[in-house]
Amino acid sequence: MKTKLMTMCAVMAMLMIAAAAQATPIQISVTGTAESDAMGYTSGESYTFNWVINDGYTGSMFDWFDSGMNEWCAEETSDPILWSSVSGDGITGTYSRPASETWAPFDHISNYDNSSLSLGAENDDESAGSSLGLTANGYSVAGIIARINVVGVEFAFTGEYTNPADYFAAYIGTYNCLESDTMHLDDTDSSGINFNPTSVTIAAV
C-alpha cells in the first residue's frame, strides 16, 4: 500500500512538472488613438486591439532567428496556427486565418532590434472574400497590424527557435510606445484606418 501511494505521488509530481513546463497563451494588446473617422472609429478616440499567441505553435520554415532578429511567421495554410484569437474594440466575429492559398496568411511576430515589435494577422490578398472572419463596426477585416517600439524593454535574441508564448512570458507588463509607431486595420476594400499606438500590454491569459 505504501509503495503504491509513493508511486501515485511520484506520477502526480511528474504530471505537475510537465504541466508547468507547457507554454501559457500570451496576449499582446496595443492601445492607440484613431487618426481619422473611418471603419466606424472616431478620430482622436482610444481603442485597444488584442493578439493571443497560440502556445502550441511549433514553428515554420518562414521563422527566422539570429543575433539581431526573432521572427515567428506562418505564411502557408499548412503552417501551425500562430494566433489563437484576434479581437479588439468594435471587432465582432471569431478569428480564422485564410483557408486557401489564394488568400494565404501572413501571420507574424517579429522584433528586429532590442525594442521593436511587429504584430500581424493578415491576408496576402485584401480582396473581397479574404476576411479574417472578423468585422469592425460592420466592415470586413482583412488585417490587423501593429509596428511599435516598446519603451523600457530590451528583447533578447537567442539565435534559435523558441516557443513564442514562452518567449513573451518573460516580458509581461504594460509599456509605453513611441509617437512614430503605427497600428492599422485593413478592410477587404483595400482601405482601412490608422491608429497612433500609446501603450502595449503583454499578459498571460
Foldseek 3Di string as FASTA:
>chain_A
DVVVVVVVVVVVVVVVVVVVPQFFKKKKKWKFAWCDCPLNHHGRDIKMKIFIFDSPFDADPPFFAAQFKGKGWFFALPHDDGTCFIDIPQKDFTFAADPDNVFTWTFMWMDRFQFKIKGKTATPALAPPQARRMGRNNFGWGMKIWIWGFPPTGQGGPRDDDRVSVRCVVVADKTFTDQPIWIWTAGSVRDTTITRTGMMGMGGD
